[in-house]
Protein backbone atom coordinates (compact mmCIF):
# COMPACT_ATOMS: atom_id res chain seq x y z
CA UNK A 1 82.01 225.92 128.04
CA UNK A 2 80.12 225.28 124.57
CA UNK A 3 79.30 221.92 122.71
CA UNK A 4 79.16 221.46 118.79
CA UNK A 5 75.57 220.79 117.70
CA UNK A 6 74.68 217.43 117.00
CA UNK A 7 74.27 216.64 113.33
CA UNK A 8 70.10 216.11 112.42
CA UNK A 9 68.78 213.47 111.46
CA UNK A 10 68.35 214.44 107.82
CA UNK A 11 72.28 215.44 107.59
CA UNK A 12 73.13 211.33 109.25
CA UNK A 13 71.43 210.43 106.39
CA UNK A 14 72.87 212.61 103.61
CA UNK A 15 76.16 211.94 104.91
CA UNK A 16 75.25 207.80 104.89
CA UNK A 17 73.93 208.04 101.62
CA UNK A 18 76.97 209.96 100.11
CA UNK A 19 79.34 206.88 101.10
CA UNK A 20 77.59 203.79 100.76
CA UNK A 21 76.20 204.75 96.99
CA UNK A 22 79.88 204.98 95.83
CA UNK A 23 80.75 201.81 97.15
CA UNK A 24 77.44 200.10 95.73
CA UNK A 25 78.69 200.86 92.23
CA UNK A 26 82.40 199.92 92.36
CA UNK A 27 81.02 196.88 93.44
CA UNK A 28 78.93 196.74 90.45
CA UNK A 29 81.37 197.50 88.10
CA UNK A 30 84.21 194.90 89.44
CA UNK A 31 81.30 192.36 88.91
CA UNK A 32 80.26 193.66 85.62
CA UNK A 33 83.58 193.91 84.17
CA UNK A 34 84.79 190.49 81.72
CA UNK A 35 87.83 188.43 82.23
CA UNK A 36 90.92 189.37 80.96
CA UNK A 37 92.03 186.66 77.42
CA UNK A 38 94.85 184.52 79.28
CA UNK A 39 97.04 182.64 77.03
CA UNK A 40 98.45 179.68 78.45
CA UNK A 41 102.06 178.85 76.58
CA UNK A 42 102.50 175.15 77.50
CA UNK A 43 106.16 173.57 76.57
CA UNK A 44 106.65 169.81 76.63
CA UNK A 45 109.80 168.90 77.52
CA UNK A 46 111.15 165.44 76.31
CA UNK A 47 115.62 165.73 77.87
CA UNK A 48 118.44 163.87 76.51
CA UNK A 49 119.44 162.38 80.11
CA UNK A 50 115.57 162.40 82.41
CA UNK A 51 117.62 161.16 85.10
CA UNK A 52 119.74 163.87 85.66
CA UNK A 53 117.93 165.70 88.36
CA UNK A 54 120.54 168.70 87.84
CA UNK A 55 119.58 169.00 84.62
CA UNK A 56 115.83 169.02 85.85
CA UNK A 57 116.94 171.60 88.10
CA UNK A 58 117.96 174.12 85.73
CA UNK A 59 115.74 173.93 83.32
CA UNK A 60 113.07 174.58 85.81
CA UNK A 61 115.23 177.65 87.63
CA UNK A 62 114.98 178.88 83.74
CA UNK A 63 111.52 178.67 83.47
CA UNK A 64 111.26 180.07 86.11
CA UNK A 65 113.22 183.19 86.04
CA UNK A 66 110.93 183.58 82.86
CA UNK A 67 108.49 185.21 85.35
CA UNK A 68 110.48 188.51 85.67
CA UNK A 69 109.35 188.99 81.78
CA UNK A 70 106.31 191.85 80.96
CA UNK A 71 103.56 190.26 80.34
CA UNK A 72 103.77 187.20 81.92
CA UNK A 73 101.52 186.31 84.99
CA UNK A 74 102.66 183.24 85.85
CA UNK A 75 105.14 180.15 85.30
CA UNK A 76 104.77 176.70 86.62
CA UNK A 77 106.58 173.60 85.64
CA UNK A 78 105.03 170.32 86.18
CA UNK A 79 105.91 166.23 85.71
CA UNK A 80 104.69 163.75 83.32
CA UNK A 81 102.96 160.73 85.66
CA UNK A 82 102.99 157.51 84.65
CA UNK A 83 99.97 156.50 83.06
CA UNK A 84 97.20 155.07 84.88
CA UNK A 85 95.67 151.57 83.31
CA UNK A 86 94.20 151.88 80.46
CA UNK A 87 95.46 155.51 79.59
CA UNK A 88 97.71 156.09 76.20
CA UNK A 89 101.75 156.73 77.48
CA UNK A 90 102.38 160.31 77.99
CA UNK A 91 106.45 159.98 78.21
CA UNK A 92 107.08 163.70 79.03
CA UNK A 93 109.41 164.15 81.32
CA UNK A 94 108.74 168.10 82.41
CA UNK A 95 105.86 170.21 81.41
CA UNK A 96 106.69 174.73 81.09
CA UNK A 97 103.04 176.77 81.86
CA UNK A 98 103.92 180.35 80.94
CA UNK A 99 100.37 182.38 81.59
CA UNK A 100 100.59 185.25 79.34
CA UNK A 101 98.08 188.90 79.99
CA UNK A 102 97.20 188.29 76.92
CA UNK A 103 98.35 187.56 73.09
CA UNK A 104 100.17 190.84 72.37
CA UNK A 105 102.34 189.60 75.79
CA UNK A 106 103.13 186.70 74.01
CA UNK A 107 104.30 187.72 70.75
CA UNK A 108 106.58 190.06 73.32
CA UNK A 109 107.95 187.27 75.19
CA UNK A 110 109.11 185.39 71.55
CA UNK A 111 111.39 188.14 70.27
CA UNK A 112 112.25 188.92 73.77
CA UNK A 113 116.16 188.58 74.31
CA UNK A 114 116.31 186.56 77.76
CA UNK A 115 113.86 184.10 76.41
CA UNK A 116 116.35 183.57 73.13
CA UNK A 117 119.45 183.33 75.91
CA UNK A 118 117.35 180.72 78.25
CA UNK A 119 117.01 178.77 74.86
CA UNK A 120 120.51 178.45 74.01
CA UNK A 121 121.86 178.23 77.76
CA UNK A 122 120.01 175.64 79.09
CA UNK A 123 116.92 174.25 76.31
CA UNK A 124 119.75 173.44 73.36
CA UNK A 125 121.75 171.63 75.22
CA UNK A 126 119.83 169.60 77.89
CA UNK A 127 116.80 168.57 75.83
CA UNK A 128 115.82 166.34 72.95
CA UNK A 129 113.19 167.53 71.86
CA UNK A 130 110.31 169.87 72.97
CA UNK A 131 106.36 170.64 71.69
CA UNK A 132 104.91 174.16 72.13
CA UNK A 133 101.16 174.48 72.51
CA UNK A 134 99.61 177.74 72.84
CA UNK A 135 95.50 177.90 74.94
CA UNK A 136 93.35 180.47 75.17
CA UNK A 137 90.34 181.09 77.99
CA UNK A 138 88.13 182.04 75.70
């Protein structure tokens, strides 16, 4: 029975070099790529009835459903904390933070019929007023 010949040391060296070099090159490329500019859309909400837990849950659920829209990276809801001693009063009831892939994704979101329907169905009936701020990581 014949045994297969073992590869020579130079052949093993070339094989290792061919496997390692692309891995190092790809790792260097990943490090060199700049972070994509994202946009954070902050909506501060003052509710008509801030004590109604069901209203808050509906707003939070509607906001989280926006995660499915194209270009949306993340959706979060936050509540305002009572001011600490010596701080200015922050009296909004709910904050919605939507992170977009880029500025174009925000533009598409603004005209998306699903967003407009959520505003009609939830924002207008449950919200007294709101403020919108757009922030960039650049």
